[in-house]
Amino acid sequence: MTNKRVNLGYLLLICVVIAINKIPAIGQMILEGGLVVNILISEGLVVLPMFLITIASGEKLSTLFSFHKIRITSVLWLILFTYLMVPFTAFLNSLSLLFTSNTVLQMSGEIVSGSPVVMLLMMAVVAPLCEELVFRGIVYGTYRKSGNLLKAATLSALLFGLMHMNFNQAIYAFAIGIIMVLMVEATGSLWASLIFHVIFNANSVVTLFTSSSALGDASLQETAESAISTGNTLYMIIGVYFVISLITVPIGFKILGRVSRNEGREGYFGRILESRHVNARLVTIPLILAIILALGFMTCLLLGIGF
């Protein structure tokens, strides 16, 4: 599997997503199918192009999916690490609300109107599994072979962020993409990033259902947006999450260092930084086109103009 093939697969993914959004008949069919159908189709669009191109290249998927066993003590530390990263992602999410809207909150009505079990299954199991197989498995796994781990981590995280096709999620998804690559390198296993992704999404779903239950008949989206728009509430939220992050992020990475020692991979972060000197050509024309298309679509969506 070559970088060119991965980039071509990503271009195909972006083109299909945009085409579906611009073809009224298909868009209407997806909307009528409900959120579950929407999630299944969305994740299918992420998985299928990459899987097909990987298989066509002759590469065995098992060589890219490093689901090696990790110690139970490492799992427990990784769970704690995940929760320590939540304030940082909340800070980035809040920061993006200065110029865009909260995408998850916009879907909150559909999410809480469904079964909690089904929503957890779709958003905290199906979505994380599909996305980890593609972005930390196929994409990062292929880029990593170049020897430049830093460039591979950054680029795979960028593609993961842009895949969400909106600036709100793209900003914190980029940061999460970097964090999850570090977890994979610290443990040598995709189980680490999957644990993070499952807990992170599950936490969002549980929070939405809990908040909705507390608010009763009130709209979760309208209540949140009303609170944020009152005075300097958003700036206060950003400030609070920033201060908390200054405490939790350093502690979190101390814990990740402990996990790497527990898994016999001490010094993983240094190896990533040292790899920046390796000459690697990861960016190709198809990838440039994909990034331009994604950013163009996201910008038009933000400005409310046709694409």
Protein backbone atom coordinates (compact mmCIF):
# COMPACT_ATOMS: atom_id res chain seq x y z
CA MET A 1 0.00 0.00 0.00
CA THR A 2 1.51 3.31 -1.08
CA ASN A 3 0.92 6.87 0.10
CA LYS A 4 -0.45 7.70 -3.36
CA ARG A 5 -3.14 5.02 -3.05
CA VAL A 6 -4.14 6.21 0.43
CA ASN A 7 -4.41 9.78 -0.82
CA LEU A 8 -6.47 8.66 -3.82
CA GLY A 9 -8.80 6.80 -1.48
CA TYR A 10 -9.23 9.90 0.65
CA LEU A 11 -10.01 12.01 -2.42
CA LEU A 12 -12.67 9.47 -3.40
CA LEU A 13 -14.11 9.62 0.12
CA ILE A 14 -14.38 13.43 0.05
CA CYS A 15 -15.86 13.47 -3.46
CA VAL A 16 -18.56 10.93 -2.54
CA VAL A 17 -19.48 12.84 0.65
CA ILE A 18 -19.83 16.10 -1.29
CA ALA A 19 -21.78 14.41 -4.10
CA ILE A 20 -24.26 12.93 -1.62
CA ASN A 21 -24.74 16.33 0.01
CA LYS A 22 -25.33 17.96 -3.38
CA ILE A 23 -27.72 15.35 -4.84
CA PRO A 24 -31.17 16.19 -3.38
CA ALA A 25 -32.70 12.74 -3.96
CA ILE A 26 -29.97 10.91 -2.09
CA GLY A 27 -29.87 13.52 0.68
CA GLN A 28 -33.63 13.25 1.16
CA MET A 29 -33.46 9.45 1.30
CA ILE A 30 -30.80 9.61 4.01
CA LEU A 31 -32.76 12.16 6.02
CA GLU A 32 -35.90 10.05 5.84
CA GLY A 33 -33.94 7.04 7.04
CA GLY A 34 -33.17 8.78 10.33
CA LEU A 35 -29.97 9.24 12.30
CA VAL A 36 -29.08 5.55 12.48
CA VAL A 37 -29.16 5.22 8.68
CA ASN A 38 -27.22 8.48 8.41
CA ILE A 39 -24.48 7.17 10.70
CA LEU A 40 -24.27 3.81 8.93
CA ILE A 41 -23.98 5.47 5.51
CA SER A 42 -21.47 8.04 6.77
CA GLU A 43 -19.23 5.41 8.31
CA GLY A 44 -19.63 3.21 5.25
CA LEU A 45 -18.33 6.08 3.13
CA VAL A 46 -15.30 6.32 5.40
CA VAL A 47 -14.55 2.61 5.36
CA LEU A 48 -15.36 1.39 1.84
CA PRO A 49 -13.06 3.59 -0.32
CA MET A 50 -10.05 2.92 1.91
CA PHE A 51 -10.73 -0.79 2.30
CA LEU A 52 -11.27 -1.31 -1.43
CA ILE A 53 -8.10 0.55 -2.39
CA THR A 54 -6.10 -1.30 0.27
CA ILE A 55 -7.35 -4.68 -0.93
CA ALA A 56 -6.77 -3.72 -4.57
CA SER A 57 -3.17 -2.82 -3.73
CA GLY A 58 -2.54 -6.36 -2.51
CA GLU A 59 -1.84 -5.18 1.04
CA LYS A 60 -3.13 -7.40 3.82
CA LEU A 61 -5.35 -5.39 6.15
CA SER A 62 -3.93 -7.31 9.11
CA THR A 63 -0.52 -5.69 8.54
CA LEU A 64 -2.06 -2.25 9.15
CA PHE A 65 -4.37 -3.19 12.04
CA SER A 66 -2.03 -3.64 14.99
CA PHE A 67 -4.49 -4.87 17.59
CA HIS A 68 -1.79 -6.20 19.90
CA LYS A 69 -2.72 -7.10 23.45
CA ILE A 70 -2.05 -4.47 26.09
CA ARG A 71 -1.88 -4.98 29.84
CA ILE A 72 -4.98 -4.46 31.96
CA THR A 73 -3.09 -1.91 34.05
CA SER A 74 -2.35 0.02 30.84
CA VAL A 75 -6.04 -0.07 29.93
CA LEU A 76 -6.95 1.45 33.29
CA TRP A 77 -4.34 4.19 32.86
CA LEU A 78 -5.59 4.87 29.33
CA ILE A 79 -9.15 5.31 30.59
CA LEU A 80 -7.90 7.89 33.10
CA PHE A 81 -5.83 9.55 30.36
CA THR A 82 -8.94 9.84 28.17
CA TYR A 83 -10.91 11.66 30.84
CA LEU A 84 -7.98 13.97 31.51
CA MET A 85 -8.04 14.99 27.82
CA VAL A 86 -11.77 15.85 27.86
CA PRO A 87 -11.30 19.42 29.20
CA PHE A 88 -8.75 20.13 26.45
CA THR A 89 -11.11 18.95 23.70
CA ALA A 90 -13.93 20.92 25.34
CA PHE A 91 -11.68 23.99 25.26
CA LEU A 92 -11.07 23.58 21.51
CA ASN A 93 -14.76 22.92 20.90
CA SER A 94 -15.71 26.08 22.81
CA LEU A 95 -13.05 28.08 20.98
CA SER A 96 -14.53 27.08 17.62
CA LEU A 97 -17.94 28.37 18.74
CA LEU A 98 -16.59 31.91 18.39
CA PHE A 99 -17.15 31.59 14.64
CA THR A 100 -19.23 28.46 14.09
CA SER A 101 -22.00 26.41 15.75
CA ASN A 102 -21.88 23.19 17.75
CA THR A 103 -22.55 20.38 15.27
CA VAL A 104 -23.30 17.72 17.90
CA LEU A 105 -25.80 20.02 19.64
CA GLN A 106 -27.52 20.59 16.30
CA MET A 107 -28.12 16.83 16.14
CA SER A 108 -29.09 16.58 19.82
CA GLY A 109 -32.83 16.45 19.09
CA GLU A 110 -32.43 13.42 16.81
CA ILE A 111 -29.99 11.73 19.18
CA VAL A 112 -32.09 12.00 22.36
CA SER A 113 -35.29 11.05 20.51
CA GLY A 114 -33.78 7.64 19.81
CA SER A 115 -33.00 4.71 22.05
CA PRO A 116 -30.00 5.37 24.36
CA VAL A 117 -28.71 1.85 23.72
CA VAL A 118 -28.95 2.21 19.93
CA MET A 119 -27.33 5.66 19.99
CA LEU A 120 -24.49 4.35 22.15
CA LEU A 121 -24.01 1.42 19.79
CA MET A 122 -23.96 3.64 16.70
CA MET A 123 -21.95 6.59 18.02
CA ALA A 124 -19.71 4.93 20.61
CA VAL A 125 -19.00 1.56 18.97
CA VAL A 126 -19.70 1.55 15.21
CA ALA A 127 -18.33 5.03 14.46
CA PRO A 128 -15.12 4.72 16.54
CA LEU A 129 -14.34 1.26 15.19
CA CYS A 130 -14.77 2.31 11.55
CA GLU A 131 -12.77 5.50 11.98
CA GLU A 132 -9.93 3.88 13.91
CA LEU A 133 -9.55 1.13 11.32
CA VAL A 134 -9.26 3.78 8.61
CA PHE A 135 -7.37 6.70 10.15
CA ARG A 136 -5.08 5.11 12.75
CA GLY A 137 -5.01 1.82 10.85
CA ILE A 138 -4.86 2.28 7.08
CA VAL A 139 -3.94 5.98 6.81
CA TYR A 140 -1.45 6.35 9.66
CA GLY A 141 -0.24 2.77 9.24
CA THR A 142 0.67 3.48 5.61
CA TYR A 143 2.15 6.94 6.19
CA ARG A 144 4.17 5.54 9.09
CA LYS A 145 6.12 3.29 6.72
CA SER A 146 7.78 6.43 5.32
CA GLY A 147 9.82 6.65 8.52
CA ASN A 148 8.69 10.20 9.34
CA LEU A 149 6.34 9.50 12.24
CA LEU A 150 5.82 13.18 13.02
CA LYS A 151 4.64 14.01 9.51
CA ALA A 152 2.55 10.82 9.40
CA ALA A 153 0.86 11.68 12.70
CA THR A 154 0.14 15.28 11.72
CA LEU A 155 -1.19 14.49 8.25
CA SER A 156 -3.36 11.56 9.37
CA ALA A 157 -4.83 13.78 12.12
CA LEU A 158 -5.55 16.53 9.58
CA LEU A 159 -7.40 14.09 7.31
CA PHE A 160 -9.33 12.78 10.30
CA GLY A 161 -10.39 16.31 11.20
CA LEU A 162 -11.40 17.28 7.66
CA MET A 163 -13.39 14.06 7.27
CA HIS A 164 -16.03 15.56 9.60
CA MET A 165 -16.68 18.22 6.93
CA ASN A 166 -17.37 21.07 9.40
CA PHE A 167 -15.03 23.44 11.21
CA ASN A 168 -16.49 22.81 14.67
CA GLN A 169 -15.63 19.11 14.78
CA ALA A 170 -12.58 19.40 12.52
CA ILE A 171 -10.68 21.56 15.01
CA TYR A 172 -10.93 19.28 18.02
CA ALA A 173 -10.87 16.13 15.87
CA PHE A 174 -7.44 17.19 14.56
CA ALA A 175 -6.15 17.45 18.13
CA ILE A 176 -7.79 14.14 19.04
CA GLY A 177 -6.17 12.57 15.97
CA ILE A 178 -2.72 13.59 17.22
CA ILE A 179 -3.50 12.35 20.72
CA MET A 180 -4.72 8.96 19.48
CA VAL A 181 -1.63 8.46 17.31
CA LEU A 182 0.50 9.12 20.40
CA MET A 183 -1.54 6.49 22.25
CA VAL A 184 -0.96 3.99 19.45
CA GLU A 185 2.78 4.70 19.50
CA ALA A 186 2.90 4.50 23.30
CA THR A 187 1.31 1.03 23.29
CA GLY A 188 1.95 -0.35 19.81
CA SER A 189 -1.74 -1.18 19.56
CA LEU A 190 -4.89 0.24 17.98
CA TRP A 191 -6.74 -0.86 21.11
CA ALA A 192 -5.39 2.26 22.80
CA SER A 193 -6.90 4.74 20.32
CA LEU A 194 -10.12 2.71 20.15
CA ILE A 195 -10.48 2.91 23.94
CA PHE A 196 -10.09 6.70 23.77
CA HIS A 197 -12.53 7.07 20.87
CA VAL A 198 -15.21 4.84 22.42
CA ILE A 199 -15.07 6.59 25.80
CA PHE A 200 -14.99 10.05 24.24
CA ASN A 201 -18.07 9.41 22.06
CA ALA A 202 -19.91 7.52 24.80
CA ASN A 203 -19.31 10.41 27.17
CA SER A 204 -20.88 12.81 24.64
CA VAL A 205 -23.95 10.60 24.14
CA VAL A 206 -24.50 10.06 27.88
CA THR A 207 -24.11 13.80 28.51
CA LEU A 208 -26.73 14.61 25.86
CA PHE A 209 -29.27 12.15 27.28
CA THR A 210 -28.60 13.24 30.86
CA SER A 211 -28.91 16.93 29.99
CA SER A 212 -32.06 16.33 27.96
CA SER A 213 -33.65 14.43 30.84
CA ALA A 214 -32.81 17.25 33.25
CA LEU A 215 -34.25 19.92 30.93
CA GLY A 216 -37.50 18.06 30.33
CA ASP A 217 -39.35 19.42 27.31
CA ALA A 218 -36.88 22.25 26.71
CA SER A 219 -34.70 22.06 23.61
CA LEU A 220 -31.14 21.14 24.56
CA GLN A 221 -29.73 23.03 21.59
CA GLU A 222 -31.75 26.19 22.24
CA THR A 223 -30.97 26.15 25.97
CA ALA A 224 -27.23 25.74 25.38
CA GLU A 225 -27.10 28.38 22.65
CA SER A 226 -29.14 30.79 24.79
CA ALA A 227 -26.76 30.33 27.72
CA ILE A 228 -23.69 30.82 25.56
CA SER A 229 -25.06 33.95 23.89
CA THR A 230 -25.79 35.61 27.25
CA GLY A 231 -23.13 38.18 28.06
CA ASN A 232 -19.59 36.85 28.13
CA THR A 233 -20.61 33.27 28.97
CA LEU A 234 -18.73 31.72 26.04
CA TYR A 235 -15.52 33.56 26.93
CA MET A 236 -15.88 32.39 30.51
CA ILE A 237 -16.36 28.78 29.37
CA ILE A 238 -13.28 29.02 27.15
CA GLY A 239 -11.25 30.45 30.02
CA VAL A 240 -12.38 27.81 32.52
CA TYR A 241 -11.61 24.90 30.16
CA PHE A 242 -8.25 26.48 29.29
CA VAL A 243 -7.21 26.71 32.96
CA ILE A 244 -8.37 23.15 33.67
CA SER A 245 -6.49 21.92 30.58
CA LEU A 246 -3.27 23.49 31.86
CA ILE A 247 -3.55 21.06 34.77
CA THR A 248 -5.02 17.94 33.17
CA VAL A 249 -2.96 17.79 29.94
CA PRO A 250 0.50 17.60 31.62
CA ILE A 251 -0.83 15.00 34.08
CA GLY A 252 -2.32 13.06 31.18
CA PHE A 253 0.95 12.88 29.27
CA LYS A 254 2.79 11.83 32.42
CA ILE A 255 0.32 8.95 32.58
CA LEU A 256 0.83 8.14 28.89
CA GLY A 257 4.56 7.99 29.57
CA ARG A 258 3.86 5.52 32.36
CA VAL A 259 1.76 3.43 29.96
CA SER A 260 4.60 3.37 27.41
CA ARG A 261 7.00 2.09 30.07
CA ASN A 262 4.44 -0.49 31.15
CA GLU A 263 4.22 -1.70 27.52
CA GLY A 264 8.00 -1.68 27.00
CA ARG A 265 7.87 1.27 24.59
CA GLU A 266 9.57 3.95 26.66
CA GLY A 267 10.87 6.91 24.68
CA TYR A 268 8.15 6.70 21.99
CA PHE A 269 7.68 10.49 21.98
CA GLY A 270 11.36 11.14 21.41
CA ARG A 271 11.38 8.71 18.50
CA ILE A 272 8.46 10.57 16.91
CA LEU A 273 10.27 13.91 17.20
CA GLU A 274 13.56 12.49 15.93
CA SER A 275 11.82 11.05 12.88
CA ARG A 276 11.10 14.58 11.58
CA HIS A 277 14.51 14.56 9.88
CA VAL A 278 13.50 11.63 7.66
CA ASN A 279 12.74 12.79 4.14
CA ALA A 280 9.25 11.55 3.28
CA ARG A 281 6.86 12.57 0.50
CA LEU A 282 3.39 11.96 1.84
CA VAL A 283 1.47 14.74 0.09
CA THR A 284 0.42 14.07 -3.52
CA ILE A 285 -1.86 15.86 -5.98
CA PRO A 286 -4.98 13.77 -5.10
CA LEU A 287 -4.51 14.66 -1.43
CA ILE A 288 -4.12 18.37 -2.21
CA LEU A 289 -7.33 18.23 -4.25
CA ALA A 290 -9.13 16.41 -1.42
CA ILE A 291 -8.04 19.00 1.14
CA ILE A 292 -9.07 21.89 -1.12
CA LEU A 293 -12.48 20.31 -1.76
CA ALA A 294 -13.07 19.61 1.93
CA LEU A 295 -12.05 23.11 3.01
CA GLY A 296 -14.13 24.64 0.21
CA PHE A 297 -17.21 22.66 1.22
CA MET A 298 -16.71 23.52 4.90
CA THR A 299 -16.24 27.22 4.13
CA CYS A 300 -19.38 27.35 2.02
CA LEU A 301 -21.28 25.56 4.77
CA LEU A 302 -19.99 28.06 7.32
CA LEU A 303 -20.92 31.06 5.18
CA GLY A 304 -24.25 29.57 4.15
CA ILE A 305 -23.58 29.73 0.42
CA GLY A 306 -23.96 27.12 -2.32
CA PHE A 307 -21.04 24.88 -3.17
